[in-house]
Amino acid sequence: MKLVIQRVKSASVTVDSELISSIGKGLLVFAGVGKEDTEKDAENLVNKVLKAKFWPDENGVQWKKNVKDIEGEVLCVSQFTLYAKMKKGNKPDFHDAAAPEPARKLYDFFYAKMGEGYTPDRVKNGVFQAMMDVELKNDGPVGVNYCSEDAAVTIEINTNLPKKEPKEQQNGDKKTDEQEIKGSFEFQIPPELLQ
């Protein structure tokens, strides 16, 4: 699964001019489901979202509190376009996104787990496969060390990150990082430095 999370002061979803969901301070979570995603992936992401520290503490120290700590809200929105690729041509390719029915099933599972992990009445939903109008008011970090007041906090989380490949030896065998560290090295020091 892929998520794009935005820290917001407010957010809402409207379908056909009808307000479906709205939240105050909290997180807007766009969630995309890939072909190989599992319920375990969804549960892992729910835990990450609910534990992620996006807000400052009482002393203004950034990145100290999560959405539960501030008693914020969460608005989940399905977004298959997170799986778009633009490798060839000018049109996005969505082949890595799950088909509608398995995607709906896993997205609904993700949304249900979000409610179970927090408080159901603080977790809202969009409408799967609908043409949604999503409005939001970003809540950006304040301070010289971060960025300007009007900047957005936008974080991407992906459960399918590429795995690090072991380095190849000359004969084609795989060599692990641990094996690479072993061995000895000989250094020659110029005689004039030994005096």
N, C-alpha and C. Protein backbone atom coordinates (compact mmCIF):
# COMPACT_ATOMS: atom_id res chain seq x y z
N MET A 1 0.83 -1.19 0.00
CA MET A 1 0.00 0.00 0.00
C MET A 1 0.87 1.24 0.00
N LYS A 2 0.30 2.30 -0.51
CA LYS A 2 0.95 3.60 -0.48
C LYS A 2 0.01 4.60 0.17
N LEU A 3 0.59 5.43 1.04
CA LEU A 3 -0.19 6.50 1.66
C LEU A 3 0.50 7.83 1.43
N VAL A 4 -0.29 8.86 1.24
CA VAL A 4 0.19 10.24 1.32
C VAL A 4 -0.61 10.88 2.44
N ILE A 5 0.10 11.34 3.46
CA ILE A 5 -0.53 11.88 4.67
C ILE A 5 -0.28 13.37 4.73
N GLN A 6 -1.33 14.14 4.96
CA GLN A 6 -1.19 15.58 5.12
C GLN A 6 -1.73 16.00 6.48
N ARG A 7 -0.93 16.78 7.18
CA ARG A 7 -1.38 17.35 8.46
C ARG A 7 -2.25 18.55 8.12
N VAL A 8 -3.48 18.54 8.63
CA VAL A 8 -4.44 19.57 8.24
C VAL A 8 -5.07 20.27 9.44
N LYS A 9 -5.53 21.51 9.18
CA LYS A 9 -6.36 22.22 10.15
C LYS A 9 -7.81 21.83 9.95
N SER A 10 -8.16 21.46 8.70
CA SER A 10 -9.50 20.94 8.39
C SER A 10 -9.43 20.29 7.01
N ALA A 11 -10.37 19.39 6.75
CA ALA A 11 -10.47 18.73 5.45
C ALA A 11 -11.88 18.20 5.28
N SER A 12 -12.29 18.07 4.01
CA SER A 12 -13.64 17.56 3.75
C SER A 12 -13.68 16.86 2.40
N VAL A 13 -14.69 16.00 2.24
CA VAL A 13 -14.95 15.30 0.98
C VAL A 13 -16.38 15.58 0.57
N THR A 14 -16.54 16.00 -0.69
CA THR A 14 -17.86 16.27 -1.25
C THR A 14 -18.02 15.43 -2.51
N VAL A 15 -19.21 14.82 -2.68
CA VAL A 15 -19.52 14.06 -3.89
C VAL A 15 -20.84 14.59 -4.44
N ASP A 16 -20.84 14.98 -5.70
CA ASP A 16 -22.04 15.54 -6.34
C ASP A 16 -22.66 16.66 -5.50
N SER A 17 -21.83 17.57 -5.05
CA SER A 17 -22.24 18.74 -4.26
C SER A 17 -22.78 18.39 -2.88
N GLU A 18 -22.65 17.13 -2.46
CA GLU A 18 -23.12 16.72 -1.13
C GLU A 18 -21.92 16.46 -0.23
N LEU A 19 -21.88 17.12 0.94
CA LEU A 19 -20.80 16.92 1.89
C LEU A 19 -20.90 15.50 2.46
N ILE A 20 -19.85 14.73 2.28
CA ILE A 20 -19.83 13.34 2.74
C ILE A 20 -19.18 13.23 4.12
N SER A 21 -18.02 13.85 4.26
CA SER A 21 -17.26 13.79 5.52
C SER A 21 -16.48 15.07 5.70
N SER A 22 -16.25 15.43 6.95
CA SER A 22 -15.37 16.56 7.24
C SER A 22 -14.70 16.35 8.58
N ILE A 23 -13.49 16.89 8.72
CA ILE A 23 -12.77 16.81 9.98
C ILE A 23 -12.19 18.18 10.30
N GLY A 24 -11.85 18.35 11.57
CA GLY A 24 -11.10 19.52 11.99
C GLY A 24 -9.62 19.16 11.98
N LYS A 25 -8.90 19.60 12.99
CA LYS A 25 -7.45 19.35 13.08
C LYS A 25 -7.16 17.86 13.08
N GLY A 26 -6.21 17.46 12.24
CA GLY A 26 -5.87 16.04 12.18
C GLY A 26 -5.10 15.69 10.93
N LEU A 27 -5.41 14.50 10.39
CA LEU A 27 -4.69 13.97 9.24
C LEU A 27 -5.63 13.63 8.10
N LEU A 28 -5.25 14.04 6.90
CA LEU A 28 -5.91 13.61 5.67
C LEU A 28 -5.02 12.53 5.09
N VAL A 29 -5.58 11.33 4.92
CA VAL A 29 -4.80 10.17 4.49
C VAL A 29 -5.32 9.67 3.15
N PHE A 30 -4.52 9.86 2.09
CA PHE A 30 -4.83 9.29 0.78
C PHE A 30 -4.21 7.90 0.75
N ALA A 31 -5.01 6.87 0.44
CA ALA A 31 -4.54 5.49 0.48
C ALA A 31 -4.73 4.80 -0.86
N GLY A 32 -3.64 4.26 -1.40
CA GLY A 32 -3.69 3.49 -2.63
C GLY A 32 -3.37 2.04 -2.35
N VAL A 33 -4.06 1.14 -3.05
CA VAL A 33 -3.87 -0.30 -2.85
C VAL A 33 -3.21 -0.88 -4.10
N GLY A 34 -2.11 -1.60 -3.89
CA GLY A 34 -1.39 -2.25 -4.98
C GLY A 34 -1.82 -3.70 -5.15
N LYS A 35 -1.42 -4.29 -6.26
CA LYS A 35 -1.82 -5.66 -6.61
C LYS A 35 -1.41 -6.70 -5.57
N GLU A 36 -0.27 -6.52 -4.95
CA GLU A 36 0.26 -7.54 -4.04
C GLU A 36 0.06 -7.19 -2.57
N ASP A 37 -0.71 -6.18 -2.27
CA ASP A 37 -0.89 -5.75 -0.89
C ASP A 37 -1.75 -6.73 -0.10
N THR A 38 -1.48 -6.80 1.20
CA THR A 38 -2.16 -7.74 2.08
C THR A 38 -2.78 -7.00 3.27
N GLU A 39 -3.58 -7.72 4.04
CA GLU A 39 -4.15 -7.14 5.26
C GLU A 39 -3.04 -6.77 6.25
N LYS A 40 -1.97 -7.55 6.26
CA LYS A 40 -0.84 -7.23 7.14
C LYS A 40 -0.23 -5.88 6.76
N ASP A 41 -0.10 -5.62 5.45
CA ASP A 41 0.40 -4.31 5.00
C ASP A 41 -0.51 -3.19 5.51
N ALA A 42 -1.82 -3.42 5.39
CA ALA A 42 -2.79 -2.40 5.82
C ALA A 42 -2.68 -2.15 7.32
N GLU A 43 -2.58 -3.22 8.11
CA GLU A 43 -2.46 -3.06 9.56
C GLU A 43 -1.18 -2.31 9.94
N ASN A 44 -0.08 -2.64 9.26
CA ASN A 44 1.19 -1.96 9.54
C ASN A 44 1.07 -0.46 9.28
N LEU A 45 0.40 -0.11 8.18
CA LEU A 45 0.25 1.31 7.86
C LEU A 45 -0.67 2.03 8.84
N VAL A 46 -1.73 1.38 9.28
CA VAL A 46 -2.61 1.98 10.29
C VAL A 46 -1.80 2.31 11.54
N ASN A 47 -0.98 1.35 11.99
CA ASN A 47 -0.15 1.59 13.18
C ASN A 47 0.81 2.75 12.98
N LYS A 48 1.42 2.83 11.78
CA LYS A 48 2.34 3.93 11.50
C LYS A 48 1.62 5.28 11.53
N VAL A 49 0.46 5.35 10.90
CA VAL A 49 -0.29 6.61 10.85
C VAL A 49 -0.66 7.07 12.25
N LEU A 50 -1.19 6.16 13.05
CA LEU A 50 -1.67 6.54 14.38
C LEU A 50 -0.53 6.86 15.36
N LYS A 51 0.66 6.32 15.11
CA LYS A 51 1.80 6.57 16.00
C LYS A 51 2.72 7.69 15.51
N ALA A 52 2.57 8.08 14.25
CA ALA A 52 3.47 9.09 13.66
C ALA A 52 3.34 10.42 14.38
N LYS A 53 4.47 11.01 14.74
CA LYS A 53 4.50 12.24 15.53
C LYS A 53 4.64 13.44 14.59
N PHE A 54 3.51 14.06 14.30
CA PHE A 54 3.46 15.16 13.35
C PHE A 54 3.26 16.53 14.01
N TRP A 55 3.03 16.57 15.32
CA TRP A 55 2.72 17.84 15.99
C TRP A 55 3.74 18.15 17.07
N PRO A 56 3.88 19.45 17.40
CA PRO A 56 4.79 19.84 18.48
C PRO A 56 4.18 19.58 19.86
N ASP A 57 5.04 19.54 20.86
CA ASP A 57 4.55 19.41 22.24
C ASP A 57 4.20 20.79 22.79
N GLU A 58 3.88 20.82 24.09
CA GLU A 58 3.46 22.06 24.75
C GLU A 58 4.54 23.13 24.73
N ASN A 59 5.81 22.71 24.60
CA ASN A 59 6.93 23.65 24.58
C ASN A 59 7.30 24.09 23.16
N GLY A 60 6.51 23.65 22.19
CA GLY A 60 6.79 24.04 20.81
C GLY A 60 7.84 23.20 20.12
N VAL A 61 8.29 22.13 20.77
CA VAL A 61 9.29 21.25 20.15
C VAL A 61 8.58 20.39 19.10
N GLN A 62 9.05 20.50 17.84
CA GLN A 62 8.38 19.83 16.72
C GLN A 62 8.49 18.31 16.79
N TRP A 63 7.51 17.66 16.13
CA TRP A 63 7.50 16.21 15.90
C TRP A 63 7.48 15.40 17.20
N LYS A 64 6.62 15.79 18.13
CA LYS A 64 6.56 15.12 19.44
C LYS A 64 5.22 14.43 19.71
N LYS A 65 4.13 14.82 19.02
CA LYS A 65 2.81 14.26 19.35
C LYS A 65 2.14 13.67 18.12
N ASN A 66 1.39 12.59 18.34
CA ASN A 66 0.65 11.97 17.24
C ASN A 66 -0.81 12.42 17.27
N VAL A 67 -1.58 11.93 16.31
CA VAL A 67 -2.97 12.37 16.17
C VAL A 67 -3.80 12.03 17.40
N LYS A 68 -3.50 10.91 18.05
CA LYS A 68 -4.22 10.54 19.27
C LYS A 68 -3.89 11.50 20.41
N ASP A 69 -2.59 11.85 20.51
CA ASP A 69 -2.15 12.75 21.58
C ASP A 69 -2.88 14.10 21.53
N ILE A 70 -3.13 14.59 20.31
CA ILE A 70 -3.79 15.90 20.19
C ILE A 70 -5.32 15.77 20.08
N GLU A 71 -5.82 14.53 20.16
CA GLU A 71 -7.25 14.24 20.01
C GLU A 71 -7.77 14.80 18.68
N GLY A 72 -6.96 14.58 17.64
CA GLY A 72 -7.33 15.03 16.30
C GLY A 72 -8.23 14.02 15.60
N GLU A 73 -8.48 14.28 14.33
CA GLU A 73 -9.34 13.41 13.54
C GLU A 73 -8.56 12.91 12.32
N VAL A 74 -9.08 11.86 11.69
CA VAL A 74 -8.46 11.27 10.51
C VAL A 74 -9.51 11.15 9.42
N LEU A 75 -9.18 11.64 8.23
CA LEU A 75 -10.06 11.49 7.06
C LEU A 75 -9.33 10.62 6.05
N CYS A 76 -9.87 9.44 5.77
CA CYS A 76 -9.27 8.50 4.82
C CYS A 76 -9.94 8.65 3.45
N VAL A 77 -9.13 8.69 2.40
CA VAL A 77 -9.64 8.83 1.04
C VAL A 77 -8.93 7.83 0.14
N SER A 78 -9.68 6.97 -0.54
CA SER A 78 -9.06 6.01 -1.46
C SER A 78 -8.50 6.75 -2.66
N GLN A 79 -7.31 6.33 -3.12
CA GLN A 79 -6.63 7.07 -4.19
C GLN A 79 -5.76 6.11 -5.00
N PHE A 80 -6.35 5.43 -5.99
CA PHE A 80 -5.59 4.47 -6.78
C PHE A 80 -4.48 5.14 -7.59
N THR A 81 -4.61 6.44 -7.85
CA THR A 81 -3.60 7.12 -8.68
C THR A 81 -2.24 7.22 -8.00
N LEU A 82 -2.14 6.87 -6.72
CA LEU A 82 -0.84 6.84 -6.06
C LEU A 82 0.07 5.79 -6.69
N TYR A 83 -0.52 4.84 -7.42
CA TYR A 83 0.26 3.79 -8.09
C TYR A 83 0.59 4.14 -9.53
N ALA A 84 0.36 5.36 -9.95
CA ALA A 84 0.66 5.76 -11.33
C ALA A 84 2.17 5.75 -11.58
N LYS A 85 2.53 5.35 -12.79
CA LYS A 85 3.92 5.42 -13.24
C LYS A 85 3.95 6.18 -14.55
N MET A 86 5.04 6.92 -14.76
CA MET A 86 5.18 7.70 -15.98
C MET A 86 6.50 7.36 -16.67
N LYS A 87 6.77 6.06 -16.85
CA LYS A 87 8.04 5.65 -17.45
C LYS A 87 8.08 5.91 -18.95
N LYS A 88 6.98 5.62 -19.63
CA LYS A 88 6.95 5.79 -21.08
C LYS A 88 5.83 6.74 -21.47
N GLY A 89 6.11 7.59 -22.43
CA GLY A 89 5.08 8.47 -22.94
C GLY A 89 4.62 9.51 -21.94
N ASN A 90 3.45 10.08 -22.20
CA ASN A 90 2.92 11.15 -21.37
C ASN A 90 1.68 10.76 -20.59
N LYS A 91 1.23 9.52 -20.73
CA LYS A 91 0.04 9.06 -20.01
C LYS A 91 0.45 8.23 -18.80
N PRO A 92 -0.22 8.44 -17.66
CA PRO A 92 0.09 7.60 -16.50
C PRO A 92 -0.34 6.16 -16.71
N ASP A 93 0.46 5.25 -16.15
CA ASP A 93 0.20 3.81 -16.22
C ASP A 93 -0.21 3.36 -14.81
N PHE A 94 -1.38 2.71 -14.70
CA PHE A 94 -1.90 2.30 -13.39
C PHE A 94 -1.86 0.78 -13.21
N HIS A 95 -1.00 0.07 -13.93
CA HIS A 95 -0.98 -1.39 -13.89
C HIS A 95 -0.61 -1.96 -12.52
N ASP A 96 0.09 -1.19 -11.68
CA ASP A 96 0.47 -1.70 -10.36
C ASP A 96 -0.65 -1.54 -9.33
N ALA A 97 -1.68 -0.80 -9.65
CA ALA A 97 -2.81 -0.64 -8.73
C ALA A 97 -3.66 -1.90 -8.75
N ALA A 98 -4.24 -2.24 -7.60
CA ALA A 98 -5.11 -3.42 -7.51
C ALA A 98 -6.40 -3.18 -8.29
N ALA A 99 -7.01 -4.26 -8.75
CA ALA A 99 -8.31 -4.18 -9.43
C ALA A 99 -9.35 -3.67 -8.43
N PRO A 100 -10.46 -3.08 -8.93
CA PRO A 100 -11.43 -2.43 -8.04
C PRO A 100 -11.94 -3.28 -6.88
N GLU A 101 -12.34 -4.52 -7.11
CA GLU A 101 -12.94 -5.30 -6.00
C GLU A 101 -11.93 -5.66 -4.91
N PRO A 102 -10.75 -6.23 -5.25
CA PRO A 102 -9.78 -6.47 -4.17
C PRO A 102 -9.30 -5.18 -3.51
N ALA A 103 -9.20 -4.11 -4.30
CA ALA A 103 -8.79 -2.82 -3.72
C ALA A 103 -9.83 -2.33 -2.73
N ARG A 104 -11.11 -2.42 -3.09
CA ARG A 104 -12.18 -1.99 -2.19
C ARG A 104 -12.14 -2.79 -0.89
N LYS A 105 -11.96 -4.10 -1.01
CA LYS A 105 -11.94 -4.97 0.17
C LYS A 105 -10.79 -4.58 1.11
N LEU A 106 -9.60 -4.38 0.55
CA LEU A 106 -8.46 -4.05 1.39
C LEU A 106 -8.55 -2.62 1.94
N TYR A 107 -9.05 -1.70 1.12
CA TYR A 107 -9.22 -0.32 1.60
C TYR A 107 -10.23 -0.29 2.74
N ASP A 108 -11.36 -1.01 2.61
CA ASP A 108 -12.36 -1.06 3.68
C ASP A 108 -11.76 -1.65 4.96
N PHE A 109 -10.90 -2.66 4.80
CA PHE A 109 -10.21 -3.26 5.95
C PHE A 109 -9.31 -2.21 6.62
N PHE A 110 -8.56 -1.47 5.80
CA PHE A 110 -7.68 -0.40 6.29
C PHE A 110 -8.49 0.63 7.08
N TYR A 111 -9.60 1.07 6.51
CA TYR A 111 -10.44 2.07 7.17
C TYR A 111 -11.01 1.54 8.49
N ALA A 112 -11.48 0.29 8.48
CA ALA A 112 -12.03 -0.32 9.70
C ALA A 112 -10.96 -0.41 10.79
N LYS A 113 -9.75 -0.82 10.41
CA LYS A 113 -8.66 -0.94 11.38
C LYS A 113 -8.26 0.43 11.94
N MET A 114 -8.36 1.46 11.11
CA MET A 114 -8.05 2.81 11.58
C MET A 114 -9.03 3.19 12.69
N GLY A 115 -10.30 2.89 12.51
CA GLY A 115 -11.30 3.17 13.53
C GLY A 115 -11.08 2.35 14.78
N GLU A 116 -10.72 1.07 14.61
CA GLU A 116 -10.46 0.20 15.77
C GLU A 116 -9.23 0.66 16.55
N GLY A 117 -8.21 1.15 15.82
CA GLY A 117 -6.97 1.57 16.47
C GLY A 117 -7.08 2.90 17.17
N TYR A 118 -8.11 3.65 16.84
CA TYR A 118 -8.29 4.97 17.44
C TYR A 118 -9.67 5.03 18.06
N THR A 119 -10.49 5.97 17.65
CA THR A 119 -11.87 6.09 18.10
C THR A 119 -12.72 6.20 16.85
N PRO A 120 -13.68 5.29 16.63
CA PRO A 120 -14.43 5.29 15.36
C PRO A 120 -15.05 6.63 14.98
N ASP A 121 -15.55 7.40 15.95
CA ASP A 121 -16.19 8.66 15.57
C ASP A 121 -15.19 9.76 15.22
N ARG A 122 -13.89 9.49 15.39
CA ARG A 122 -12.86 10.45 15.00
C ARG A 122 -12.20 10.07 13.67
N VAL A 123 -12.67 8.98 13.06
CA VAL A 123 -12.13 8.52 11.77
C VAL A 123 -13.24 8.59 10.74
N LYS A 124 -13.02 9.38 9.69
CA LYS A 124 -14.04 9.58 8.65
C LYS A 124 -13.56 8.99 7.33
N ASN A 125 -14.48 8.90 6.37
CA ASN A 125 -14.19 8.21 5.11
C ASN A 125 -14.69 9.01 3.92
N GLY A 126 -14.05 8.80 2.78
CA GLY A 126 -14.56 9.30 1.51
C GLY A 126 -15.49 8.25 0.93
N VAL A 127 -15.64 8.23 -0.39
CA VAL A 127 -16.49 7.25 -1.07
C VAL A 127 -15.63 6.54 -2.10
N PHE A 128 -15.47 5.23 -1.94
CA PHE A 128 -14.62 4.45 -2.84
C PHE A 128 -15.12 4.55 -4.28
N GLN A 129 -14.22 4.80 -5.21
CA GLN A 129 -14.47 4.89 -6.65
C GLN A 129 -15.38 6.04 -7.06
N ALA A 130 -15.59 7.00 -6.20
CA ALA A 130 -16.43 8.16 -6.56
C ALA A 130 -15.55 9.30 -7.05
N MET A 131 -16.14 10.21 -7.80
CA MET A 131 -15.47 11.45 -8.17
C MET A 131 -15.62 12.40 -6.98
N MET A 132 -14.57 12.46 -6.17
CA MET A 132 -14.63 13.24 -4.92
C MET A 132 -13.97 14.59 -5.09
N ASP A 133 -14.56 15.60 -4.48
CA ASP A 133 -13.90 16.90 -4.33
C ASP A 133 -13.35 16.92 -2.91
N VAL A 134 -12.03 16.99 -2.80
CA VAL A 134 -11.39 17.00 -1.49
C VAL A 134 -10.85 18.40 -1.24
N GLU A 135 -11.28 19.00 -0.14
CA GLU A 135 -10.77 20.31 0.25
C GLU A 135 -10.01 20.17 1.56
N LEU A 136 -8.93 20.95 1.67
CA LEU A 136 -8.14 20.88 2.90
C LEU A 136 -7.48 22.21 3.18
N LYS A 137 -7.24 22.42 4.46
CA LYS A 137 -6.46 23.57 4.89
C LYS A 137 -5.23 23.01 5.58
N ASN A 138 -4.06 23.19 4.93
CA ASN A 138 -2.82 22.62 5.44
C ASN A 138 -2.43 23.20 6.78
N ASP A 139 -1.75 22.36 7.57
CA ASP A 139 -1.21 22.77 8.86
C ASP A 139 0.29 22.53 8.80
N GLY A 140 1.06 23.58 8.48
CA GLY A 140 2.51 23.43 8.29
C GLY A 140 3.29 23.78 9.54
N PRO A 141 4.56 23.34 9.60
CA PRO A 141 5.39 23.64 10.76
C PRO A 141 5.80 25.10 10.78
N VAL A 142 5.94 25.65 11.97
CA VAL A 142 6.35 27.05 12.13
C VAL A 142 7.77 27.05 12.71
N GLY A 143 8.62 27.88 12.18
CA GLY A 143 9.97 27.99 12.74
C GLY A 143 11.02 28.09 11.65
N VAL A 144 12.09 28.77 11.96
CA VAL A 144 13.16 29.00 10.99
C VAL A 144 13.82 27.68 10.59
N ASN A 145 13.92 26.73 11.53
CA ASN A 145 14.61 25.48 11.24
C ASN A 145 13.81 24.52 10.38
N TYR A 146 12.57 24.82 10.13
CA TYR A 146 11.74 23.90 9.36
C TYR A 146 11.37 24.52 8.04
N CYS A 147 10.37 25.34 7.98
CA CYS A 147 9.97 26.03 6.76
C CYS A 147 8.96 27.10 7.13
N SER A 148 8.48 27.81 6.14
CA SER A 148 7.59 28.93 6.43
C SER A 148 6.24 28.47 6.96
N GLU A 149 5.51 29.40 7.58
CA GLU A 149 4.23 29.09 8.22
C GLU A 149 3.22 28.46 7.28
N ASP A 150 3.22 28.86 6.02
CA ASP A 150 2.18 28.38 5.12
C ASP A 150 2.56 27.10 4.40
N ALA A 151 3.68 26.50 4.74
CA ALA A 151 4.10 25.25 4.09
C ALA A 151 3.29 24.07 4.64
N ALA A 152 3.14 23.05 3.81
CA ALA A 152 2.36 21.88 4.20
C ALA A 152 3.27 20.78 4.73
N VAL A 153 2.74 19.99 5.66
CA VAL A 153 3.40 18.77 6.09
C VAL A 153 2.78 17.65 5.29
N THR A 154 3.54 17.08 4.37
CA THR A 154 3.07 16.00 3.52
C THR A 154 4.09 14.87 3.58
N ILE A 155 3.64 13.69 4.00
CA ILE A 155 4.54 12.54 4.19
C ILE A 155 4.01 11.38 3.35
N GLU A 156 4.93 10.66 2.69
CA GLU A 156 4.55 9.46 1.94
C GLU A 156 5.06 8.23 2.68
N ILE A 157 4.21 7.22 2.77
CA ILE A 157 4.61 5.94 3.37
C ILE A 157 4.28 4.85 2.36
N ASN A 158 5.20 3.92 2.17
CA ASN A 158 5.04 2.86 1.19
C ASN A 158 5.45 1.54 1.83
N THR A 159 4.58 0.54 1.80
CA THR A 159 4.93 -0.76 2.39
C THR A 159 5.78 -1.60 1.46
N ASN A 160 5.87 -1.25 0.19
CA ASN A 160 6.58 -2.07 -0.78
C ASN A 160 7.88 -1.41 -1.25
N LEU A 161 8.72 -1.03 -0.30
CA LEU A 161 10.00 -0.43 -0.66
C LEU A 161 10.93 -1.49 -1.25
N PRO A 162 11.76 -1.14 -2.22
CA PRO A 162 12.66 -2.13 -2.82
C PRO A 162 13.66 -2.62 -1.79
N LYS A 163 13.97 -3.91 -1.87
CA LYS A 163 14.93 -4.51 -0.94
C LYS A 163 16.34 -4.28 -1.45
N LYS A 164 17.28 -4.10 -0.52
CA LYS A 164 18.67 -3.87 -0.88
C LYS A 164 19.26 -5.18 -1.40
N GLU A 165 19.83 -5.12 -2.58
CA GLU A 165 20.44 -6.31 -3.20
C GLU A 165 21.86 -6.48 -2.68
N PRO A 166 22.27 -7.75 -2.40
CA PRO A 166 23.67 -7.97 -2.02
C PRO A 166 24.58 -7.63 -3.19
N LYS A 167 25.79 -7.17 -2.88
CA LYS A 167 26.74 -6.82 -3.94
C LYS A 167 27.31 -8.08 -4.59
N GLU A 168 27.60 -7.99 -5.87
CA GLU A 168 28.12 -9.13 -6.63
C GLU A 168 29.64 -9.19 -6.52
N GLN A 169 30.16 -10.40 -6.33
CA GLN A 169 31.60 -10.60 -6.41
C GLN A 169 31.96 -10.76 -7.88
N GLN A 170 33.24 -10.76 -8.20
CA GLN A 170 33.66 -10.88 -9.59
C GLN A 170 33.23 -12.20 -10.21
N ASN A 171 33.20 -13.29 -9.41
CA ASN A 171 32.81 -14.60 -9.97
C ASN A 171 31.30 -14.78 -10.03
N GLY A 172 30.53 -13.73 -9.67
CA GLY A 172 29.07 -13.80 -9.77
C GLY A 172 28.38 -14.23 -8.50
N ASP A 173 29.15 -14.69 -7.48
CA ASP A 173 28.53 -15.08 -6.21
C ASP A 173 28.06 -13.85 -5.47
N LYS A 174 27.02 -14.01 -4.68
CA LYS A 174 26.54 -12.91 -3.86
C LYS A 174 27.46 -12.75 -2.66
N LYS A 175 27.68 -11.52 -2.28
CA LYS A 175 28.53 -11.22 -1.14
C LYS A 175 27.76 -10.29 -0.20
N THR A 176 27.62 -10.67 1.06
CA THR A 176 26.87 -9.84 2.00
C THR A 176 27.76 -8.72 2.54
N ASP A 177 27.11 -7.71 3.14
CA ASP A 177 27.86 -6.60 3.73
C ASP A 177 28.81 -7.09 4.81
N GLU A 178 28.37 -8.12 5.58
CA GLU A 178 29.19 -8.64 6.66
C GLU A 178 30.47 -9.27 6.10
N GLN A 179 30.34 -10.01 4.99
CA GLN A 179 31.50 -10.63 4.37
C GLN A 179 32.46 -9.57 3.83
N GLU A 180 31.93 -8.48 3.34
CA GLU A 180 32.77 -7.42 2.79
C GLU A 180 33.62 -6.76 3.85
N ILE A 181 33.13 -6.70 5.07
CA ILE A 181 33.85 -6.03 6.15
C ILE A 181 35.05 -6.84 6.59
N LYS A 182 34.95 -8.20 6.52
CA LYS A 182 36.03 -9.07 6.97
C LYS A 182 37.20 -8.97 6.02
N GLY A 183 38.41 -9.20 6.55
CA GLY A 183 39.61 -9.15 5.72
C GLY A 183 40.64 -8.25 6.36
N SER A 184 41.80 -8.16 5.74
CA SER A 184 42.86 -7.30 6.28
C SER A 184 43.33 -6.34 5.21
N PHE A 185 43.89 -5.25 5.68
CA PHE A 185 44.38 -4.21 4.79
C PHE A 185 45.80 -3.87 5.20
N GLU A 186 46.66 -3.59 4.22
CA GLU A 186 48.05 -3.23 4.50
C GLU A 186 48.27 -1.79 4.03
N PHE A 187 48.79 -0.98 4.94
CA PHE A 187 49.09 0.41 4.61
C PHE A 187 50.60 0.61 4.69
N GLN A 188 51.17 1.33 3.74
CA GLN A 188 52.59 1.66 3.79
C GLN A 188 52.73 3.13 4.14
N ILE A 189 53.51 3.38 5.18
CA ILE A 189 53.72 4.74 5.64
C ILE A 189 55.10 5.20 5.15
N PRO A 190 55.16 6.37 4.54
CA PRO A 190 56.47 6.87 4.08
C PRO A 190 57.45 6.98 5.25
N PRO A 191 58.75 6.60 5.01
CA PRO A 191 59.75 6.60 6.08
C PRO A 191 59.91 7.95 6.77
N GLU A 192 59.74 9.05 6.01
CA GLU A 192 59.94 10.37 6.62
C GLU A 192 58.88 10.68 7.68
N LEU A 193 57.72 10.03 7.62
CA LEU A 193 56.69 10.26 8.64
C LEU A 193 56.95 9.47 9.92
N LEU A 194 57.85 8.50 9.86
CA LEU A 194 58.15 7.67 11.03
C LEU A 194 59.21 8.28 11.92
N GLN A 195 59.87 9.34 11.50
CA GLN A 195 60.94 9.95 12.29
C GLN A 195 60.42 10.86 13.37
